[in-house]
Amino acid sequence: MAKLTPLQAALERGLADGGDLFEALNELRNYEIETLDDAESLVDALEQYLDRPMEAPGLFTAFHQLVSLFQSVTAVSPFQYLVKRGIPLLIQAYDARLSFAEEQQNELLFAIKIFARYGLEEGLDRLVQAAYHPILREGYLWSVIFEQLGDQDPVLPELIDRLSDPLPDGFACVAFLDWVNRLAREDFISQHPFNTHDGVQRLKHWLRSSKKDEFSFAHSSAASLPFISEPEREQLLALAMDHPDPAVQMEAAWASARLGSDAGLKFLVRTCLDRNYSTTACAYLEELGRDDAIPDEANEPDFRAMADMCDWLAHPQEFGRPPDEIEQYDTRELFWPPTNDVRQLWLFRYRYIAEEAGESDDSGLGCYGSATFSLFDETNPDMSPEDAYALHCCWELEMNDDLRAPDERSIAAGRAILEAGARGEYAEDEDEEDEEDDDF
């Protein structure tokens, strides 16, 4: 008897009486389906699973695990087999759960993501229906769903038409806008779906909204402006430039500059000198092919480092906005073991002033020059630069899975590693490795 693959063994174990299919598949971690045998086994398992009573919804379910395996295919033959045999079964499972959309929103949208990736007509029908579903249209997975679709897939024009008249509501509409903005910007489509009466009204609504949680929708609206016809575009541009969020204003300036406006270009040039928004403004000018207009001051190393640090702190997964205060605490050139080279590094002290009475200010220390990061719970603005660099060195080695990373991150361990680097120990090791590679 042929030896079972890890997937086949997990499916057999999980589907056995008393087995736990979720746990069995979870043990596989980042498994890749490379063979037709694995694809056939997945289809067989899905057939057995569908014959069982429907389990409670959640991320920790066998259904979620089975669906996720559809996105781990790395070869043509198993992909084609799953298109023919697997997707119809997944559609069957999706339809059976649609009546419980409120409880199963995440599972259903995850299945829609797979339908988008595989491109089967019946699956894309479910995608369109889901975009108008009163519960499914609100899911935040739509941003990922649309990006699964091939930019030059022959079904794209028809699919966009089906989603354009009428436009969907909810977050599906915003995600659709982001997607078609990119397609229009990269010349994959010639007609923007929001260049209609209904589309313009949606854009106006988002640009006029004073709700902070809709500012990102206004940003997406501003990104569409180069593809909207006059006279509506002029009014929309005015709304975007007058928006309270600087990110929306910059997007509007980019749109204006793309259309040939000197005013939009000058706005971006000025913003290059604002440390809170310089990184984005410079990126816009580079995209426009006008990096020559970036002021020299914006490329001065200390300013560039601070601006990039502010940009990192403002990321939605960090603080979500630039710091209220920031100052350069230290900068020096040293041998940096995580990258095995000599480089300039910076430390910045930053502060976020409490917005509510009774709350404390949030102060920290950020490191820039290699992996931009702030070790929120380990570094503080009052510690010595040497101690901060030591902790960041340990952390970055850990992130790189470097064998030099200490078992426990500490200042003493980091200092020892940095001192070894300063003595040239790691540089010598690297030279030896290069010589061995040359000999080979």
Protein backbone atom coordinates (compact mmCIF):
# COMPACT_ATOMS: atom_id res chain seq x y z
CA MET A 1 0.00 0.00 0.00
CA ALA A 2 1.33 3.44 -0.96
CA LYS A 3 2.29 5.71 1.89
CA LEU A 4 -0.30 8.36 2.69
CA THR A 5 0.58 12.00 2.14
CA PRO A 6 0.35 14.27 5.21
CA LEU A 7 -2.96 15.62 3.89
CA GLN A 8 -4.41 12.17 3.26
CA ALA A 9 -3.35 11.03 6.73
CA ALA A 10 -4.90 14.11 8.34
CA LEU A 11 -8.17 13.68 6.45
CA GLU A 12 -8.36 9.99 7.31
CA ARG A 13 -7.68 10.71 10.97
CA GLY A 14 -10.08 13.64 11.18
CA LEU A 15 -12.98 11.89 9.42
CA ALA A 16 -12.69 8.70 11.48
CA ASP A 17 -15.27 8.03 14.21
CA GLY A 18 -14.44 10.29 17.11
CA GLY A 19 -11.92 12.23 15.04
CA ASP A 20 -11.50 15.99 15.08
CA LEU A 21 -11.18 17.16 11.47
CA PHE A 22 -10.35 20.73 12.43
CA GLU A 23 -7.45 19.73 14.68
CA ALA A 24 -6.17 17.16 12.19
CA LEU A 25 -6.03 19.74 9.37
CA ASN A 26 -4.75 22.49 11.67
CA GLU A 27 -1.64 20.42 12.33
CA LEU A 28 -0.70 20.68 8.65
CA ARG A 29 -0.03 24.41 8.94
CA ASN A 30 1.09 25.81 5.55
CA TYR A 31 0.47 22.67 3.53
CA GLU A 32 0.67 22.88 -0.27
CA ILE A 33 -1.36 20.70 -2.62
CA GLU A 34 1.04 19.73 -5.40
CA THR A 35 -0.39 16.41 -6.61
CA LEU A 36 -3.56 15.13 -8.17
CA ASP A 37 -3.81 12.49 -5.41
CA ASP A 38 -4.08 15.20 -2.76
CA ALA A 39 -6.70 17.07 -4.78
CA GLU A 40 -8.76 13.89 -5.16
CA SER A 41 -8.47 13.21 -1.44
CA LEU A 42 -9.67 16.73 -0.64
CA VAL A 43 -12.73 16.28 -2.88
CA ASP A 44 -13.52 12.89 -1.32
CA ALA A 45 -13.25 14.41 2.15
CA LEU A 46 -15.49 17.32 1.22
CA GLU A 47 -18.12 14.88 -0.06
CA GLN A 48 -18.04 13.00 3.25
CA TYR A 49 -18.14 16.25 5.21
CA LEU A 50 -21.25 17.47 3.35
CA ASP A 51 -23.11 14.29 4.31
CA ARG A 52 -22.72 15.17 7.98
CA PRO A 53 -24.84 17.58 10.07
CA MET A 54 -23.80 21.20 9.66
CA GLU A 55 -21.40 22.30 12.40
CA ALA A 56 -21.54 25.57 14.32
CA PRO A 57 -19.93 28.55 12.54
CA GLY A 58 -16.51 29.95 13.37
CA LEU A 59 -12.88 30.26 12.28
CA PHE A 60 -12.02 27.10 14.20
CA THR A 61 -14.18 24.79 12.14
CA ALA A 62 -13.45 21.95 9.78
CA PHE A 63 -15.34 23.79 7.03
CA HIS A 64 -12.97 26.76 7.27
CA GLN A 65 -9.99 24.41 7.11
CA LEU A 66 -11.33 22.53 4.10
CA VAL A 67 -12.07 25.74 2.23
CA SER A 68 -8.61 27.14 3.01
CA LEU A 69 -7.01 24.13 1.33
CA PHE A 70 -8.44 25.33 -1.99
CA GLN A 71 -6.06 28.30 -1.87
CA SER A 72 -2.99 26.15 -1.20
CA VAL A 73 -2.83 24.54 -4.66
CA THR A 74 0.54 25.09 -6.34
CA ALA A 75 0.29 22.97 -9.51
CA VAL A 76 -1.89 23.06 -12.63
CA SER A 77 -3.22 19.49 -12.57
CA PRO A 78 -4.71 19.57 -9.05
CA PHE A 79 -6.05 23.08 -9.70
CA GLN A 80 -7.90 21.90 -12.81
CA TYR A 81 -9.27 18.91 -10.92
CA LEU A 82 -10.60 21.13 -8.14
CA VAL A 83 -12.21 23.44 -10.71
CA LYS A 84 -14.08 20.48 -12.16
CA ARG A 85 -14.89 18.47 -9.04
CA GLY A 86 -14.14 20.58 -5.98
CA ILE A 87 -15.76 23.94 -6.71
CA PRO A 88 -19.21 22.39 -7.46
CA LEU A 89 -19.08 20.73 -4.02
CA LEU A 90 -18.03 23.99 -2.42
CA ILE A 91 -20.94 25.73 -4.13
CA GLN A 92 -23.22 23.06 -2.69
CA ALA A 93 -21.83 23.71 0.79
CA TYR A 94 -22.17 27.49 0.29
CA ASP A 95 -25.80 27.25 -0.81
CA ALA A 96 -26.65 25.06 2.18
CA ARG A 97 -25.26 27.70 4.55
CA LEU A 98 -26.75 30.77 2.87
CA SER A 99 -29.91 30.55 4.98
CA PHE A 100 -27.71 31.10 8.03
CA ALA A 101 -25.78 34.05 6.57
CA GLU A 102 -25.88 36.08 9.78
CA GLU A 103 -24.13 33.33 11.73
CA GLN A 104 -21.95 32.13 8.85
CA GLN A 105 -20.88 35.42 7.24
CA ASN A 106 -17.12 34.75 7.53
CA GLU A 107 -17.37 31.19 6.22
CA LEU A 108 -19.55 32.22 3.29
CA LEU A 109 -17.30 35.12 2.29
CA PHE A 110 -14.25 32.88 2.57
CA ALA A 111 -15.94 30.54 0.09
CA ILE A 112 -16.67 33.55 -2.18
CA LYS A 113 -12.95 34.35 -2.07
CA ILE A 114 -12.24 30.85 -3.42
CA PHE A 115 -14.92 31.23 -6.13
CA ALA A 116 -13.21 34.45 -7.26
CA ARG A 117 -9.82 32.75 -7.37
CA TYR A 118 -11.03 29.76 -9.41
CA GLY A 119 -13.19 31.77 -11.81
CA LEU A 120 -15.88 29.14 -12.47
CA GLU A 121 -19.05 30.78 -13.81
CA GLU A 122 -21.33 29.27 -11.16
CA GLY A 123 -18.99 30.51 -8.43
CA LEU A 124 -18.88 34.03 -9.89
CA ASP A 125 -22.68 34.01 -9.93
CA ARG A 126 -22.54 33.54 -6.15
CA LEU A 127 -20.04 36.39 -5.90
CA VAL A 128 -22.42 38.79 -7.63
CA GLN A 129 -25.37 37.64 -5.54
CA ALA A 130 -23.35 37.99 -2.33
CA ALA A 131 -22.39 41.59 -3.20
CA TYR A 132 -26.09 42.50 -2.97
CA HIS A 133 -26.92 40.28 0.01
CA PRO A 134 -27.98 42.47 2.99
CA ILE A 135 -25.60 40.63 5.36
CA LEU A 136 -22.77 39.42 3.14
CA ARG A 137 -22.26 42.80 1.46
CA GLU A 138 -21.10 44.26 4.81
CA GLY A 139 -18.17 41.86 5.29
CA TYR A 140 -14.65 43.32 5.26
CA LEU A 141 -13.30 40.36 3.29
CA TRP A 142 -14.54 42.00 0.08
CA SER A 143 -11.27 43.90 -0.34
CA VAL A 144 -9.48 40.56 -0.57
CA ILE A 145 -12.20 38.91 -2.67
CA PHE A 146 -12.01 41.32 -5.60
CA GLU A 147 -8.23 41.09 -5.76
CA GLN A 148 -8.48 37.33 -6.38
CA LEU A 149 -9.89 38.04 -9.83
CA GLY A 150 -7.42 38.06 -12.71
CA ASP A 151 -6.80 41.52 -14.15
CA GLN A 152 -7.10 40.26 -17.73
CA ASP A 153 -9.64 37.49 -17.24
CA PRO A 154 -12.09 37.39 -20.20
CA VAL A 155 -15.05 37.34 -17.78
CA LEU A 156 -14.00 40.64 -16.19
CA PRO A 157 -16.00 43.07 -18.39
CA GLU A 158 -19.24 41.14 -17.90
CA LEU A 159 -18.63 40.77 -14.17
CA ILE A 160 -18.00 44.50 -13.77
CA ASP A 161 -21.15 45.29 -15.77
CA ARG A 162 -23.21 43.04 -13.50
CA LEU A 163 -21.89 44.84 -10.42
CA SER A 164 -22.34 48.32 -11.91
CA ASP A 165 -26.05 48.53 -12.58
CA PRO A 166 -27.03 48.97 -9.89
CA LEU A 167 -23.96 49.40 -7.70
CA PRO A 168 -24.01 47.27 -4.55
CA ASP A 169 -24.43 48.79 -1.10
CA GLY A 170 -22.38 48.31 2.06
CA PHE A 171 -18.67 47.65 2.24
CA ALA A 172 -18.85 45.56 -0.94
CA CYS A 173 -19.40 48.84 -2.80
CA VAL A 174 -16.30 50.48 -1.30
CA ALA A 175 -14.17 47.41 -2.01
CA PHE A 176 -15.53 47.34 -5.57
CA LEU A 177 -14.55 51.02 -5.92
CA ASP A 178 -11.00 50.35 -4.71
CA TRP A 179 -10.67 47.46 -7.14
CA VAL A 180 -11.94 49.28 -10.24
CA ASN A 181 -9.82 52.31 -9.30
CA ARG A 182 -6.73 50.12 -9.57
CA LEU A 183 -7.92 48.53 -12.82
CA ALA A 184 -8.54 51.97 -14.31
CA ARG A 185 -5.20 53.32 -13.09
CA GLU A 186 -3.38 50.38 -14.69
CA ASP A 187 -5.41 50.67 -17.94
CA PHE A 188 -7.15 47.30 -17.58
CA ILE A 189 -10.54 48.99 -18.02
CA SER A 190 -11.42 52.06 -20.07
CA GLN A 191 -14.78 52.96 -18.48
CA HIS A 192 -15.02 53.53 -14.73
CA PRO A 193 -18.21 51.99 -13.24
CA PHE A 194 -18.70 55.01 -10.95
CA ASN A 195 -18.72 57.44 -13.87
CA THR A 196 -22.52 57.39 -13.78
CA HIS A 197 -25.22 59.40 -12.03
CA ASP A 198 -25.56 56.76 -9.31
CA GLY A 199 -21.78 56.41 -8.96
CA VAL A 200 -21.21 60.16 -8.66
CA GLN A 201 -23.87 60.39 -5.94
CA ARG A 202 -22.06 57.69 -3.95
CA LEU A 203 -18.76 59.55 -4.30
CA LYS A 204 -20.36 62.83 -3.19
CA HIS A 205 -21.88 61.16 -0.15
CA TRP A 206 -18.55 59.76 1.03
CA LEU A 207 -16.64 62.98 0.34
CA ARG A 208 -19.19 64.99 2.33
CA SER A 209 -19.35 62.59 5.25
CA SER A 210 -17.95 63.93 8.52
CA LYS A 211 -17.80 60.46 10.11
CA LYS A 212 -14.21 59.49 10.83
CA ASP A 213 -14.93 55.84 10.14
CA GLU A 214 -15.90 56.85 6.58
CA PHE A 215 -12.75 58.89 5.86
CA SER A 216 -11.20 55.86 4.15
CA PHE A 217 -14.27 55.75 1.87
CA ALA A 218 -13.62 59.40 0.98
CA HIS A 219 -10.01 58.47 0.22
CA SER A 220 -11.21 55.78 -2.19
CA SER A 221 -13.60 58.31 -3.76
CA ALA A 222 -10.79 60.80 -4.35
CA ALA A 223 -8.74 58.08 -6.04
CA SER A 224 -11.46 57.67 -8.67
CA LEU A 225 -11.54 61.32 -9.74
CA PRO A 226 -9.22 61.10 -12.77
CA PHE A 227 -11.73 58.68 -14.30
CA ILE A 228 -14.88 60.77 -13.71
CA SER A 229 -16.12 63.05 -16.46
CA GLU A 230 -16.69 66.78 -16.22
CA PRO A 231 -18.58 68.71 -14.95
CA GLU A 232 -19.09 66.32 -12.00
CA ARG A 233 -15.35 65.86 -11.52
CA GLU A 234 -14.73 69.55 -10.75
CA GLN A 235 -17.26 69.53 -7.92
CA LEU A 236 -15.93 66.25 -6.54
CA LEU A 237 -12.35 67.58 -6.61
CA ALA A 238 -13.42 70.66 -4.66
CA LEU A 239 -15.07 68.46 -2.03
CA ALA A 240 -11.98 66.26 -1.78
CA MET A 241 -9.54 69.17 -1.46
CA ASP A 242 -11.73 70.63 1.31
CA HIS A 243 -11.96 67.33 3.20
CA PRO A 244 -10.79 67.40 6.87
CA ASP A 245 -8.52 64.37 6.40
CA PRO A 246 -5.08 65.29 4.94
CA ALA A 247 -4.86 61.83 3.34
CA VAL A 248 -7.97 62.60 1.28
CA GLN A 249 -6.57 66.01 0.34
CA MET A 250 -3.35 64.39 -0.90
CA GLU A 251 -5.27 61.83 -2.94
CA ALA A 252 -7.24 64.69 -4.49
CA ALA A 253 -4.01 66.57 -5.22
CA TRP A 254 -2.60 63.44 -6.90
CA ALA A 255 -5.77 63.18 -9.01
CA SER A 256 -5.56 66.86 -9.91
CA ALA A 257 -1.87 66.60 -10.82
CA ARG A 258 -2.50 63.49 -12.91
CA LEU A 259 -5.01 65.55 -14.88
CA GLY A 260 -2.35 68.20 -15.52
CA SER A 261 -3.14 70.71 -12.77
CA ASP A 262 -0.22 72.78 -11.44
CA ALA A 263 -2.19 73.40 -8.23
CA GLY A 264 -2.30 69.70 -7.41
CA LEU A 265 1.40 69.33 -8.14
CA LYS A 266 2.32 72.32 -5.94
CA PHE A 267 0.20 70.95 -3.09
CA LEU A 268 2.12 67.67 -3.16
CA VAL A 269 5.47 69.48 -3.33
CA ARG A 270 4.57 71.51 -0.23
CA THR A 271 3.38 68.41 1.60
CA CYS A 272 6.74 66.73 0.99
CA LEU A 273 8.08 69.06 3.69
CA ASP A 274 5.45 68.02 6.26
CA ARG A 275 7.08 65.23 8.28
CA ASN A 276 3.67 63.67 9.01
CA TYR A 277 2.74 63.19 5.35
CA SER A 278 6.01 63.55 3.45
CA THR A 279 6.42 59.85 2.70
CA THR A 280 3.03 59.64 0.97
CA ALA A 281 3.46 62.92 -0.90
CA CYS A 282 6.86 61.83 -2.23
CA ALA A 283 5.39 58.50 -3.33
CA TYR A 284 2.63 60.30 -5.24
CA LEU A 285 5.16 62.47 -7.06
CA GLU A 286 7.24 59.43 -7.95
CA GLU A 287 4.14 57.68 -9.30
CA LEU A 288 3.40 60.76 -11.39
CA GLY A 289 6.93 60.66 -12.78
CA ARG A 290 7.73 63.96 -11.05
CA ASP A 291 10.27 62.87 -8.47
CA ASP A 292 12.35 65.76 -9.83
CA ALA A 293 9.90 68.09 -8.05
CA ILE A 294 10.58 66.62 -4.60
CA PRO A 295 12.42 69.31 -2.57
CA ASP A 296 15.99 68.48 -1.57
CA GLU A 297 15.08 69.10 2.07
CA ALA A 298 12.63 66.18 1.92
CA ASN A 299 15.46 63.81 1.00
CA GLU A 300 17.83 65.01 3.73
CA PRO A 301 18.62 61.81 5.72
CA ASP A 302 17.47 62.97 9.17
CA PHE A 303 14.22 64.40 7.81
CA ARG A 304 13.58 61.33 5.62
CA ALA A 305 14.11 59.03 8.60
CA MET A 306 11.70 61.01 10.79
CA ALA A 307 9.08 61.21 8.03
CA ASP A 308 9.24 57.46 7.40
CA MET A 309 8.96 56.84 11.16
CA CYS A 310 5.84 59.01 11.29
CA ASP A 311 4.42 57.14 8.33
CA TRP A 312 4.99 53.81 10.11
CA LEU A 313 3.39 55.05 13.35
CA ALA A 314 0.36 56.28 11.38
CA HIS A 315 -0.32 52.86 9.87
CA PRO A 316 -3.77 51.51 10.82
CA GLN A 317 -2.17 48.52 12.56
CA GLU A 318 -0.08 50.84 14.76
CA PHE A 319 -1.51 54.15 16.05
CA GLY A 320 -3.57 55.02 12.98
CA ARG A 321 -2.36 58.62 12.87
CA PRO A 322 0.93 60.54 12.99
CA PRO A 323 2.38 61.35 16.44
CA ASP A 324 1.52 64.66 18.09
CA GLU A 325 5.19 65.13 18.97
CA ILE A 326 8.36 63.50 17.68
CA GLU A 327 12.06 64.24 18.05
CA GLN A 328 15.28 62.60 16.95
CA TYR A 329 16.87 61.00 20.00
CA ASP A 330 19.95 59.42 18.46
CA THR A 331 21.54 58.44 15.19
CA ARG A 332 24.76 56.56 14.56
CA GLU A 333 26.52 54.34 12.06
CA LEU A 334 27.27 50.84 13.28
CA PHE A 335 27.64 47.28 12.16
CA TRP A 336 24.10 45.85 12.33
CA PRO A 337 24.13 42.05 12.81
CA PRO A 338 20.58 41.43 11.50
CA THR A 339 21.68 42.67 8.06
CA ASN A 340 25.42 41.94 8.40
CA ASP A 341 26.43 45.36 7.18
CA VAL A 342 27.36 48.83 8.37
CA ARG A 343 24.40 51.20 8.25
CA GLN A 344 22.97 54.37 9.74
CA LEU A 345 20.28 53.88 12.36
CA TRP A 346 18.01 56.37 14.11
CA LEU A 347 16.00 56.44 17.33
CA PHE A 348 12.97 58.72 17.67
CA ARG A 349 11.04 59.72 20.75
CA TYR A 350 7.34 60.17 20.01
CA ARG A 351 4.26 61.15 21.97
CA TYR A 352 0.50 60.83 21.48
CA ILE A 353 -1.45 63.25 23.66
CA ALA A 354 -4.43 61.66 25.41
CA GLU A 355 -7.70 62.51 23.69
CA GLU A 356 -9.96 61.71 26.63
CA ALA A 357 -9.92 63.12 30.16
CA GLY A 358 -8.37 60.69 32.60
CA GLU A 359 -6.30 58.91 29.97
CA SER A 360 -2.51 59.00 29.91
CA ASP A 361 -0.34 60.19 27.04
CA ASP A 362 1.25 57.43 24.99
CA SER A 363 5.00 57.90 24.62
CA GLY A 364 7.51 55.58 23.03
CA LEU A 365 10.77 55.05 21.21
CA GLY A 366 10.97 53.99 17.58
CA CYS A 367 13.92 52.61 15.64
CA TYR A 368 14.53 53.31 11.93
CA GLY A 369 17.25 52.31 9.50
CA SER A 370 16.61 48.61 9.13
CA ALA A 371 13.27 47.10 10.21
CA THR A 372 11.21 50.12 11.28
CA PHE A 373 9.55 49.26 14.58
CA SER A 374 8.73 50.35 18.11
CA LEU A 375 9.02 47.80 20.91
CA PHE A 376 6.11 49.34 22.79
CA ASP A 377 6.37 47.29 25.99
CA GLU A 378 10.16 47.01 26.15
CA THR A 379 11.72 50.32 25.17
CA ASN A 380 10.91 53.75 26.56
CA PRO A 381 11.95 57.35 25.80
CA ASP A 382 14.22 57.53 28.85
CA MET A 383 16.41 54.48 28.22
CA SER A 384 19.90 54.85 26.80
CA PRO A 385 20.32 54.58 23.01
CA GLU A 386 22.71 51.66 23.48
CA ASP A 387 20.06 49.68 25.38
CA ALA A 388 17.40 50.48 22.78
CA TYR A 389 19.60 49.37 19.87
CA ALA A 390 20.43 46.18 21.79
CA LEU A 391 16.75 45.22 22.18
CA HIS A 392 15.93 46.06 18.57
CA CYS A 393 18.89 43.99 17.40
CA CYS A 394 17.59 40.97 19.35
CA TRP A 395 14.06 41.48 18.06
CA GLU A 396 15.11 41.76 14.41
CA LEU A 397 17.29 38.65 14.66
CA GLU A 398 14.26 36.79 16.02
CA MET A 399 12.08 38.05 13.14
CA ASN A 400 14.73 36.78 10.69
CA ASP A 401 14.89 33.36 12.40
CA ASP A 402 18.60 34.07 12.78
CA LEU A 403 20.54 31.48 14.79
CA ARG A 404 22.27 34.32 16.66
CA ALA A 405 18.95 35.41 18.23
CA PRO A 406 19.10 34.82 22.00
CA ASP A 407 16.66 32.43 23.66
CA GLU A 408 15.39 35.36 25.70
CA ARG A 409 15.44 38.92 24.42
CA SER A 410 17.43 41.17 26.75
CA ILE A 411 19.60 44.27 26.79
CA ALA A 412 22.66 42.27 27.86
CA ALA A 413 22.24 39.75 25.05
CA GLY A 414 21.74 42.48 22.46
CA ARG A 415 24.74 44.45 23.64
CA ALA A 416 26.92 41.34 23.42
CA ILE A 417 25.77 40.68 19.84
CA LEU A 418 26.39 44.29 18.82
CA GLU A 419 29.82 44.27 20.41
CA ALA A 420 30.69 41.08 18.52
CA GLY A 421 29.59 42.77 15.33
CA ALA A 422 31.69 45.84 16.10
CA ARG A 423 34.73 43.56 16.53
CA GLY A 424 34.14 42.23 13.04
CA GLU A 425 33.21 38.69 14.05
CA TYR A 426 30.11 38.43 11.87
CA ALA A 427 31.67 40.21 8.92
CA GLU A 428 34.46 37.63 8.96
CA ASP A 429 31.90 34.79 9.01
CA GLU A 430 30.14 36.35 6.04
CA ASP A 431 33.42 36.63 4.10
CA GLU A 432 34.15 32.96 4.80
CA GLU A 433 30.69 31.97 3.52
CA ASP A 434 31.25 34.01 0.35
CA GLU A 435 34.60 32.26 -0.20
CA GLU A 436 32.95 28.86 0.25
CA ASP A 437 30.25 29.80 -2.26
CA ASP A 438 32.94 30.93 -4.73
CA ASP A 439 34.81 27.63 -4.29
CA PHE A 440 31.62 25.71 -4.94
